[in-house]
Amino acid sequence: MIWYVYVARCRDDTLYTGITTNIQRRELEHNINNKLGAKSVRSKRPIKIVYYETFSNQSEAHKREVDIKSWKRSYKLRLIGENPGVTRKFKFRKI
């Protein structure tokens, strides 16, 4: 199973870092009005995933998530900026 660590940009320009096994579904969960999205971004909808990395297991993905969450905003923006086409690797679709 592939695991994703992602960075999402919120409506208020804050950045949210998370982990999932289905990146398209997770973006939808954050954006629809239900209890599946993270509480911290519910008032900041819509969100858009602007960066992601893939991992072969949950443990490695979680380590990277914790690492990125500890970074300053400027480091996260640099990471996103160095990979401008990352979200074009797949097309989001309604599920």
PDB file of N, CA and C in Angstrom:
ATOM      1  N   MET A   1       0.842  -1.176   0.000  1.00  0.00           N
ATOM      2  CA  MET A   1       0.000   0.000   0.000  1.00  0.00           C
ATOM      3  C   MET A   1       0.890   1.243   0.000  1.00  0.00           C
ATOM      4  N   ILE A   2       0.527   2.213  -0.810  1.00  0.00           N
ATOM      5  CA  ILE A   2       1.272   3.467  -0.872  1.00  0.00           C
ATOM      6  C   ILE A   2       0.699   4.436   0.157  1.00  0.00           C
ATOM      7  N   TRP A   3       1.584   5.094   0.870  1.00  0.00           N
ATOM      8  CA  TRP A   3       1.216   6.126   1.831  1.00  0.00           C
ATOM      9  C   TRP A   3       1.703   7.471   1.312  1.00  0.00           C
ATOM     10  N   TYR A   4       0.906   8.503   1.547  1.00  0.00           N
ATOM     11  CA  TYR A   4       1.237   9.857   1.113  1.00  0.00           C
ATOM     12  C   TYR A   4       1.386  10.774   2.320  1.00  0.00           C
ATOM     13  N   VAL A   5       2.386  11.629   2.264  1.00  0.00           N
ATOM     14  CA  VAL A   5       2.484  12.774   3.164  1.00  0.00           C
ATOM     15  C   VAL A   5       2.202  13.974   2.269  1.00  0.00           C
ATOM     16  N   TYR A   6       1.301  14.845   2.702  1.00  0.00           N
ATOM     17  CA  TYR A   6       0.910  15.958   1.847  1.00  0.00           C
ATOM     18  C   TYR A   6       0.919  17.272   2.614  1.00  0.00           C
ATOM     19  N   VAL A   7       1.046  18.339   1.847  1.00  0.00           N
ATOM     20  CA  VAL A   7       0.914  19.688   2.386  1.00  0.00           C
ATOM     21  C   VAL A   7      -0.234  20.333   1.625  1.00  0.00           C
ATOM     22  N   ALA A   8      -1.176  20.884   2.363  1.00  0.00           N
ATOM     23  CA  ALA A   8      -2.332  21.546   1.762  1.00  0.00           C
ATOM     24  C   ALA A   8      -2.298  23.027   2.115  1.00  0.00           C
ATOM     25  N   ARG A   9      -2.717  23.845   1.169  1.00  0.00           N
ATOM     26  CA  ARG A   9      -2.839  25.284   1.406  1.00  0.00           C
ATOM     27  C   ARG A   9      -4.310  25.581   1.672  1.00  0.00           C
ATOM     28  N   CYS A  10      -4.564  26.271   2.765  1.00  0.00           N
ATOM     29  CA  CYS A  10      -5.937  26.611   3.154  1.00  0.00           C
ATOM     30  C   CYS A  10      -6.346  27.963   2.580  1.00  0.00           C
ATOM     31  N   ARG A  11      -7.639  28.250   2.652  1.00  0.00           N
ATOM     32  CA  ARG A  11      -8.189  29.505   2.141  1.00  0.00           C
ATOM     33  C   ARG A  11      -7.490  30.718   2.736  1.00  0.00           C
ATOM     34  N   ASP A  12      -7.108  30.640   4.013  1.00  0.00           N
ATOM     35  CA  ASP A  12      -6.444  31.769   4.671  1.00  0.00           C
ATOM     36  C   ASP A  12      -4.926  31.741   4.484  1.00  0.00           C
ATOM     37  N   ASP A  13      -4.445  30.896   3.580  1.00  0.00           N
ATOM     38  CA  ASP A  13      -3.035  30.764   3.207  1.00  0.00           C
ATOM     39  C   ASP A  13      -2.185  30.037   4.246  1.00  0.00           C
ATOM     40  N   THR A  14      -2.816  29.437   5.253  1.00  0.00           N
ATOM     41  CA  THR A  14      -2.047  28.597   6.168  1.00  0.00           C
ATOM     42  C   THR A  14      -1.765  27.266   5.478  1.00  0.00           C
ATOM     43  N   LEU A  15      -0.784  26.544   6.010  1.00  0.00           N
ATOM     44  CA  LEU A  15      -0.400  25.252   5.449  1.00  0.00           C
ATOM     45  C   LEU A  15      -0.729  24.160   6.446  1.00  0.00           C
ATOM     46  N   TYR A  16      -1.254  23.061   5.953  1.00  0.00           N
ATOM     47  CA  TYR A  16      -1.601  21.912   6.777  1.00  0.00           C
ATOM     48  C   TYR A  16      -0.869  20.698   6.228  1.00  0.00           C
ATOM     49  N   THR A  17      -0.234  19.929   7.095  1.00  0.00           N
ATOM     50  CA  THR A  17       0.482  18.719   6.697  1.00  0.00           C
ATOM     51  C   THR A  17      -0.246  17.508   7.253  1.00  0.00           C
ATOM     52  N   GLY A  18      -0.421  16.493   6.419  1.00  0.00           N
ATOM     53  CA  GLY A  18      -1.128  15.294   6.851  1.00  0.00           C
ATOM     54  C   GLY A  18      -0.613  14.049   6.158  1.00  0.00           C
ATOM     55  N   ILE A  19      -1.268  12.933   6.448  1.00  0.00           N
ATOM     56  CA  ILE A  19      -0.881  11.620   5.938  1.00  0.00           C
ATOM     57  C   ILE A  19      -2.146  10.880   5.511  1.00  0.00           C
ATOM     58  N   THR A  20      -2.044  10.081   4.450  1.00  0.00           N
ATOM     59  CA  THR A  20      -3.202   9.345   3.951  1.00  0.00           C
ATOM     60  C   THR A  20      -2.757   8.209   3.031  1.00  0.00           C
ATOM     61  N   THR A  21      -3.691   7.319   2.729  1.00  0.00           N
ATOM     62  CA  THR A  21      -3.430   6.285   1.724  1.00  0.00           C
ATOM     63  C   THR A  21      -4.129   6.607   0.406  1.00  0.00           C
ATOM     64  N   ASN A  22      -4.983   7.628   0.407  1.00  0.00           N
ATOM     65  CA  ASN A  22      -5.708   8.012  -0.803  1.00  0.00           C
ATOM     66  C   ASN A  22      -5.783   9.534  -0.848  1.00  0.00           C
ATOM     67  N   ILE A  23      -4.900  10.128  -1.611  1.00  0.00           N
ATOM     68  CA  ILE A  23      -4.758  11.581  -1.588  1.00  0.00           C
ATOM     69  C   ILE A  23      -5.963  12.307  -2.192  1.00  0.00           C
ATOM     70  N   GLN A  24      -6.560  11.748  -3.237  1.00  0.00           N
ATOM     71  CA  GLN A  24      -7.741  12.387  -3.821  1.00  0.00           C
ATOM     72  C   GLN A  24      -8.901  12.388  -2.829  1.00  0.00           C
ATOM     73  N   ARG A  25      -9.137  11.229  -2.203  1.00  0.00           N
ATOM     74  CA  ARG A  25     -10.219  11.133  -1.222  1.00  0.00           C
ATOM     75  C   ARG A  25      -9.981  12.086  -0.057  1.00  0.00           C
ATOM     76  N   ARG A  26      -8.734  12.190   0.380  1.00  0.00           N
ATOM     77  CA  ARG A  26      -8.436  13.023   1.549  1.00  0.00           C
ATOM     78  C   ARG A  26      -8.711  14.491   1.271  1.00  0.00           C
ATOM     79  N   GLU A  27      -8.385  14.955   0.076  1.00  0.00           N
ATOM     80  CA  GLU A  27      -8.683  16.346  -0.248  1.00  0.00           C
ATOM     81  C   GLU A  27     -10.192  16.582  -0.213  1.00  0.00           C
ATOM     82  N   LEU A  28     -10.957  15.643  -0.752  1.00  0.00           N
ATOM     83  CA  LEU A  28     -12.418  15.760  -0.700  1.00  0.00           C
ATOM     84  C   LEU A  28     -12.924  15.757   0.739  1.00  0.00           C
ATOM     85  N   GLU A  29     -12.367  14.887   1.574  1.00  0.00           N
ATOM     86  CA  GLU A  29     -12.793  14.823   2.979  1.00  0.00           C
ATOM     87  C   GLU A  29     -12.545  16.141   3.694  1.00  0.00           C
ATOM     88  N   HIS A  30     -11.420  16.765   3.400  1.00  0.00           N
ATOM     89  CA  HIS A  30     -11.135  18.063   4.018  1.00  0.00           C
ATOM     90  C   HIS A  30     -12.129  19.128   3.553  1.00  0.00           C
ATOM     91  N   ASN A  31     -12.579  19.033   2.327  1.00  0.00           N
ATOM     92  CA  ASN A  31     -13.386  20.100   1.741  1.00  0.00           C
ATOM     93  C   ASN A  31     -14.890  19.952   1.902  1.00  0.00           C
ATOM     94  N   ILE A  32     -15.380  18.745   2.171  1.00  0.00           N
ATOM     95  CA  ILE A  32     -16.822  18.605   2.338  1.00  0.00           C
ATOM     96  C   ILE A  32     -17.185  18.796   3.809  1.00  0.00           C
ATOM     97  N   ASN A  33     -18.421  19.125   4.053  1.00  0.00           N
ATOM     98  CA  ASN A  33     -18.854  19.466   5.405  1.00  0.00           C
ATOM     99  C   ASN A  33     -19.224  18.209   6.187  1.00  0.00           C
ATOM    100  N   ASN A  34     -18.223  17.539   6.713  1.00  0.00           N
ATOM    101  CA  ASN A  34     -18.479  16.368   7.551  1.00  0.00           C
ATOM    102  C   ASN A  34     -17.375  16.234   8.590  1.00  0.00           C
ATOM    103  N   LYS A  35     -17.369  15.150   9.306  1.00  0.00           N
ATOM    104  CA  LYS A  35     -16.414  14.975  10.388  1.00  0.00           C
ATOM    105  C   LYS A  35     -15.149  14.227   9.965  1.00  0.00           C
ATOM    106  N   LEU A  36     -14.975  13.984   8.668  1.00  0.00           N
ATOM    107  CA  LEU A  36     -13.804  13.240   8.213  1.00  0.00           C
ATOM    108  C   LEU A  36     -12.571  14.120   8.046  1.00  0.00           C
ATOM    109  N   GLY A  37     -12.759  15.397   7.749  1.00  0.00           N
ATOM    110  CA  GLY A  37     -11.626  16.307   7.598  1.00  0.00           C
ATOM    111  C   GLY A  37     -11.091  16.743   8.951  1.00  0.00           C
ATOM    112  N   ALA A  38      -9.852  17.193   8.967  1.00  0.00           N
ATOM    113  CA  ALA A  38      -9.223  17.637  10.210  1.00  0.00           C
ATOM    114  C   ALA A  38      -9.946  18.859  10.779  1.00  0.00           C
ATOM    115  N   LYS A  39     -10.153  18.866  12.090  1.00  0.00           N
ATOM    116  CA  LYS A  39     -10.838  19.980  12.746  1.00  0.00           C
ATOM    117  C   LYS A  39     -10.126  21.302  12.498  1.00  0.00           C
ATOM    118  N   SER A  40      -8.800  21.258  12.459  1.00  0.00           N
ATOM    119  CA  SER A  40      -8.031  22.497  12.334  1.00  0.00           C
ATOM    120  C   SER A  40      -8.208  23.193  10.990  1.00  0.00           C
ATOM    121  N   VAL A  41      -8.720  22.504   9.985  1.00  0.00           N
ATOM    122  CA  VAL A  41      -8.914  23.152   8.684  1.00  0.00           C
ATOM    123  C   VAL A  41     -10.383  23.343   8.315  1.00  0.00           C
ATOM    124  N   ARG A  42     -11.294  22.916   9.145  1.00  0.00           N
ATOM    125  CA  ARG A  42     -12.728  23.029   8.815  1.00  0.00           C
ATOM    126  C   ARG A  42     -13.164  24.467   8.580  1.00  0.00           C
ATOM    127  N   SER A  43     -12.633  25.390   9.343  1.00  0.00           N
ATOM    128  CA  SER A  43     -13.019  26.791   9.177  1.00  0.00           C
ATOM    129  C   SER A  43     -12.180  27.490   8.112  1.00  0.00           C
ATOM    130  N   LYS A  44     -11.269  26.762   7.484  1.00  0.00           N
ATOM    131  CA  LYS A  44     -10.345  27.359   6.516  1.00  0.00           C
ATOM    132  C   LYS A  44     -10.552  26.816   5.104  1.00  0.00           C
ATOM    133  N   ARG A  45     -11.700  26.176   4.875  1.00  0.00           N
ATOM    134  CA  ARG A  45     -11.995  25.610   3.568  1.00  0.00           C
ATOM    135  C   ARG A  45     -12.214  26.712   2.544  1.00  0.00           C
ATOM    136  N   PRO A  46     -11.944  26.416   1.290  1.00  0.00           N
ATOM    137  CA  PRO A  46     -11.452  25.150   0.759  1.00  0.00           C
ATOM    138  C   PRO A  46      -9.942  25.019   0.927  1.00  0.00           C
ATOM    139  N   ILE A  47      -9.486  23.788   0.875  1.00  0.00           N
ATOM    140  CA  ILE A  47      -8.051  23.525   0.896  1.00  0.00           C
ATOM    141  C   ILE A  47      -7.671  22.906  -0.447  1.00  0.00           C
ATOM    142  N   LYS A  48      -6.394  23.037  -0.788  1.00  0.00           N
ATOM    143  CA  LYS A  48      -5.881  22.405  -2.004  1.00  0.00           C
ATOM    144  C   LYS A  48      -4.549  21.766  -1.668  1.00  0.00           C
ATOM    145  N   ILE A  49      -4.402  20.511  -2.010  1.00  0.00           N
ATOM    146  CA  ILE A  49      -3.124  19.839  -1.790  1.00  0.00           C
ATOM    147  C   ILE A  49      -2.132  20.384  -2.810  1.00  0.00           C
ATOM    148  N   VAL A  50      -1.041  20.952  -2.304  1.00  0.00           N
ATOM    149  CA  VAL A  50      -0.058  21.607  -3.167  1.00  0.00           C
ATOM    150  C   VAL A  50       1.265  20.850  -3.231  1.00  0.00           C
ATOM    151  N   TYR A  51       1.397  19.806  -2.418  1.00  0.00           N
ATOM    152  CA  TYR A  51       2.639  19.032  -2.407  1.00  0.00           C
ATOM    153  C   TYR A  51       2.359  17.669  -1.791  1.00  0.00           C
ATOM    154  N   TYR A  52       3.021  16.647  -2.294  1.00  0.00           N
ATOM    155  CA  TYR A  52       2.936  15.341  -1.644  1.00  0.00           C
ATOM    156  C   TYR A  52       4.182  14.518  -1.935  1.00  0.00           C
ATOM    157  N   GLU A  53       4.431  13.543  -1.080  1.00  0.00           N
ATOM    158  CA  GLU A  53       5.500  12.564  -1.245  1.00  0.00           C
ATOM    159  C   GLU A  53       4.883  11.192  -1.014  1.00  0.00           C
ATOM    160  N   THR A  54       5.471  10.162  -1.616  1.00  0.00           N
ATOM    161  CA  THR A  54       4.956   8.804  -1.441  1.00  0.00           C
ATOM    162  C   THR A  54       5.937   7.956  -0.643  1.00  0.00           C
ATOM    163  N   PHE A  55       5.372   7.001   0.107  1.00  0.00           N
ATOM    164  CA  PHE A  55       6.156   6.093   0.942  1.00  0.00           C
ATOM    165  C   PHE A  55       5.557   4.700   0.851  1.00  0.00           C
ATOM    166  N   SER A  56       6.384   3.704   1.087  1.00  0.00           N
ATOM    167  CA  SER A  56       5.920   2.323   0.966  1.00  0.00           C
ATOM    168  C   SER A  56       5.273   1.789   2.235  1.00  0.00           C
ATOM    169  N   ASN A  57       5.420   2.531   3.355  1.00  0.00           N
ATOM    170  CA  ASN A  57       4.779   2.067   4.591  1.00  0.00           C
ATOM    171  C   ASN A  57       4.399   3.246   5.476  1.00  0.00           C
ATOM    172  N   GLN A  58       3.488   2.988   6.400  1.00  0.00           N
ATOM    173  CA  GLN A  58       2.956   4.031   7.267  1.00  0.00           C
ATOM    174  C   GLN A  58       4.021   4.604   8.189  1.00  0.00           C
ATOM    175  N   SER A  59       4.902   3.770   8.673  1.00  0.00           N
ATOM    176  CA  SER A  59       5.924   4.217   9.608  1.00  0.00           C
ATOM    177  C   SER A  59       6.817   5.296   9.000  1.00  0.00           C
ATOM    178  N   GLU A  60       7.290   5.057   7.793  1.00  0.00           N
ATOM    179  CA  GLU A  60       8.157   6.037   7.128  1.00  0.00           C
ATOM    180  C   GLU A  60       7.386   7.313   6.808  1.00  0.00           C
ATOM    181  N   ALA A  61       6.149   7.167   6.370  1.00  0.00           N
ATOM    182  CA  ALA A  61       5.323   8.330   6.061  1.00  0.00           C
ATOM    183  C   ALA A  61       5.078   9.162   7.315  1.00  0.00           C
ATOM    184  N   HIS A  62       4.787   8.495   8.422  1.00  0.00           N
ATOM    185  CA  HIS A  62       4.535   9.210   9.671  1.00  0.00           C
ATOM    186  C   HIS A  62       5.783   9.966  10.131  1.00  0.00           C
ATOM    187  N   LYS A  63       6.940   9.354  10.008  1.00  0.00           N
ATOM    188  CA  LYS A  63       8.190  10.035  10.385  1.00  0.00           C
ATOM    189  C   LYS A  63       8.375  11.310   9.572  1.00  0.00           C
ATOM    190  N   ARG A  64       8.105  11.220   8.274  1.00  0.00           N
ATOM    191  CA  ARG A  64       8.249  12.391   7.403  1.00  0.00           C
ATOM    192  C   ARG A  64       7.203  13.447   7.736  1.00  0.00           C
ATOM    193  N   GLU A  65       5.986  13.031   8.050  1.00  0.00           N
ATOM    194  CA  GLU A  65       4.932  13.972   8.437  1.00  0.00           C
ATOM    195  C   GLU A  65       5.356  14.750   9.677  1.00  0.00           C
ATOM    196  N   VAL A  66       5.849  14.057  10.677  1.00  0.00           N
ATOM    197  CA  VAL A  66       6.299  14.708  11.911  1.00  0.00           C
ATOM    198  C   VAL A  66       7.437  15.672  11.599  1.00  0.00           C
ATOM    199  N   ASP A  67       8.343  15.255  10.740  1.00  0.00           N
ATOM    200  CA  ASP A  67       9.472  16.094  10.346  1.00  0.00           C
ATOM    201  C   ASP A  67       8.984  17.392   9.699  1.00  0.00           C
ATOM    202  N   ILE A  68       8.122  17.275   8.690  1.00  0.00           N
ATOM    203  CA  ILE A  68       7.629  18.464   7.988  1.00  0.00           C
ATOM    204  C   ILE A  68       6.814  19.353   8.918  1.00  0.00           C
ATOM    205  N   LYS A  69       6.007  18.762   9.792  1.00  0.00           N
ATOM    206  CA  LYS A  69       5.207  19.560  10.727  1.00  0.00           C
ATOM    207  C   LYS A  69       6.077  20.395  11.663  1.00  0.00           C
ATOM    208  N   SER A  70       7.305  19.966  11.888  1.00  0.00           N
ATOM    209  CA  SER A  70       8.194  20.706  12.792  1.00  0.00           C
ATOM    210  C   SER A  70       8.883  21.884  12.096  1.00  0.00           C
ATOM    211  N   TRP A  71       8.776  21.956  10.785  1.00  0.00           N
ATOM    212  CA  TRP A  71       9.462  23.002  10.027  1.00  0.00           C
ATOM    213  C   TRP A  71       8.776  24.350  10.163  1.00  0.00           C
ATOM    214  N   LYS A  72       9.577  25.404   9.948  1.00  0.00           N
ATOM    215  CA  LYS A  72       9.041  26.751   9.818  1.00  0.00           C
ATOM    216  C   LYS A  72       8.260  26.834   8.503  1.00  0.00           C
ATOM    217  N   ARG A  73       7.336  27.768   8.448  1.00  0.00           N
ATOM    218  CA  ARG A  73       6.542  27.979   7.239  1.00  0.00           C
ATOM    219  C   ARG A  73       7.436  28.226   6.022  1.00  0.00           C
ATOM    220  N   SER A  74       8.497  28.999   6.206  1.00  0.00           N
ATOM    221  CA  SER A  74       9.377  29.321   5.074  1.00  0.00           C
ATOM    222  C   SER A  74      10.008  28.069   4.475  1.00  0.00           C
ATOM    223  N   TYR A  75      10.329  27.083   5.297  1.00  0.00           N
ATOM    224  CA  TYR A  75      10.892  25.829   4.787  1.00  0.00           C
ATOM    225  C   TYR A  75       9.852  25.068   3.969  1.00  0.00           C
ATOM    226  N   LYS A  76       8.614  25.059   4.472  1.00  0.00           N
ATOM    227  CA  LYS A  76       7.549  24.366   3.741  1.00  0.00           C
ATOM    228  C   LYS A  76       7.291  25.035   2.390  1.00  0.00           C
ATOM    229  N   LEU A  77       7.297  26.365   2.374  1.00  0.00           N
ATOM    230  CA  LEU A  77       7.083  27.083   1.120  1.00  0.00           C
ATOM    231  C   LEU A  77       8.206  26.805   0.129  1.00  0.00           C
ATOM    232  N   ARG A  78       9.418  26.683   0.622  1.00  0.00           N
ATOM    233  CA  ARG A  78      10.540  26.349  -0.250  1.00  0.00           C
ATOM    234  C   ARG A  78      10.353  24.946  -0.836  1.00  0.00           C
ATOM    235  N   LEU A  79       9.925  24.010  -0.012  1.00  0.00           N
ATOM    236  CA  LEU A  79       9.676  22.642  -0.480  1.00  0.00           C
ATOM    237  C   LEU A  79       8.623  22.639  -1.589  1.00  0.00           C
ATOM    238  N   ILE A  80       7.540  23.360  -1.375  1.00  0.00           N
ATOM    239  CA  ILE A  80       6.470  23.459  -2.373  1.00  0.00           C
ATOM    240  C   ILE A  80       6.991  24.136  -3.639  1.00  0.00           C
ATOM    241  N   GLY A  81       7.744  25.213  -3.471  1.00  0.00           N
ATOM    242  CA  GLY A  81       8.260  25.972  -4.611  1.00  0.00           C
ATOM    243  C   GLY A  81       9.253  25.211  -5.459  1.00  0.00           C
ATOM    244  N   GLU A  82       9.994  24.303  -4.849  1.00  0.00           N
ATOM    245  CA  GLU A  82      10.972  23.513  -5.591  1.00  0.00           C
ATOM    246  C   GLU A  82      10.312  22.392  -6.386  1.00  0.00           C
ATOM    247  N   ASN A  83       9.038  22.159  -6.162  1.00  0.00           N
ATOM    248  CA  ASN A  83       8.304  21.080  -6.833  1.00  0.00           C
ATOM    249  C   ASN A  83       6.977  21.601  -7.378  1.00  0.00           C
ATOM    250  N   PRO A  84       7.022  22.592  -8.271  1.00  0.00           N
ATOM    251  CA  PRO A  84       5.774  23.253  -8.680  1.00  0.00           C
ATOM    252  C   PRO A  84       4.789  22.372  -9.431  1.00  0.00           C
ATOM    253  N   GLY A  85       5.234  21.304 -10.065  1.00  0.00           N
ATOM    254  CA  GLY A  85       4.325  20.474 -10.842  1.00  0.00           C
ATOM    255  C   GLY A  85       3.824  19.250 -10.119  1.00  0.00           C
ATOM    256  N   VAL A  86       4.085  19.160  -8.820  1.00  0.00           N
ATOM    257  CA  VAL A  86       3.795  17.929  -8.097  1.00  0.00           C
ATOM    258  C   VAL A  86       2.313  17.567  -8.115  1.00  0.00           C
ATOM    259  N   THR A  87       1.422  18.529  -8.056  1.00  0.00           N
ATOM    260  CA  THR A  87      -0.005  18.202  -8.029  1.00  0.00           C
ATOM    261  C   THR A  87      -0.539  17.862  -9.411  1.00  0.00           C
ATOM    262  N   ARG A  88       0.260  18.048 -10.435  1.00  0.00           N
ATOM    263  CA  ARG A  88      -0.190  17.706 -11.783  1.00  0.00           C
ATOM    264  C   ARG A  88       0.057  16.239 -12.111  1.00  0.00           C
ATOM    265  N   LYS A  89       0.616  15.488 -11.190  1.00  0.00           N
ATOM    266  CA  LYS A  89       0.900  14.077 -11.435  1.00  0.00           C
ATOM    267  C   LYS A  89      -0.372  13.241 -11.502  1.00  0.00           C
ATOM    268  N   PHE A  90      -1.450  13.736 -10.954  1.00  0.00           N
ATOM    269  CA  PHE A  90      -2.715  13.019 -11.014  1.00  0.00           C
ATOM    270  C   PHE A  90      -3.836  14.028 -11.117  1.00  0.00           C
ATOM    271  N   LYS A  91      -4.957  13.587 -11.617  1.00  0.00           N
ATOM    272  CA  LYS A  91      -6.122  14.456 -11.716  1.00  0.00           C
ATOM    273  C   LYS A  91      -7.087  14.079 -10.608  1.00  0.00           C
ATOM    274  N   PHE A  92      -7.576  15.087  -9.902  1.00  0.00           N
ATOM    275  CA  PHE A  92      -8.560  14.837  -8.861  1.00  0.00           C
ATOM    276  C   PHE A  92      -9.902  14.556  -9.514  1.00  0.00           C
ATOM    277  N   ARG A  93     -10.625  13.622  -8.954  1.00  0.00           N
ATOM    278  CA  ARG A  93     -11.951  13.310  -9.458  1.00  0.00           C
ATOM    279  C   ARG A  93     -12.866  13.045  -8.278  1.00  0.00           C
ATOM    280  N   LYS A  94     -14.128  13.261  -8.489  1.00  0.00           N
ATOM    281  CA  LYS A  94     -15.091  12.986  -7.428  1.00  0.00           C
ATOM    282  C   LYS A  94     -15.224  11.491  -7.251  1.00  0.00           C
ATOM    283  N   ILE A  95     -15.291  11.048  -5.990  1.00  0.00           N
ATOM    284  CA  ILE A  95     -15.452   9.618  -5.712  1.00  0.00           C
ATOM    285  C   ILE A  95     -16.669   9.402  -4.850  1.00  0.00           C
TER     286      ILE A  95
END
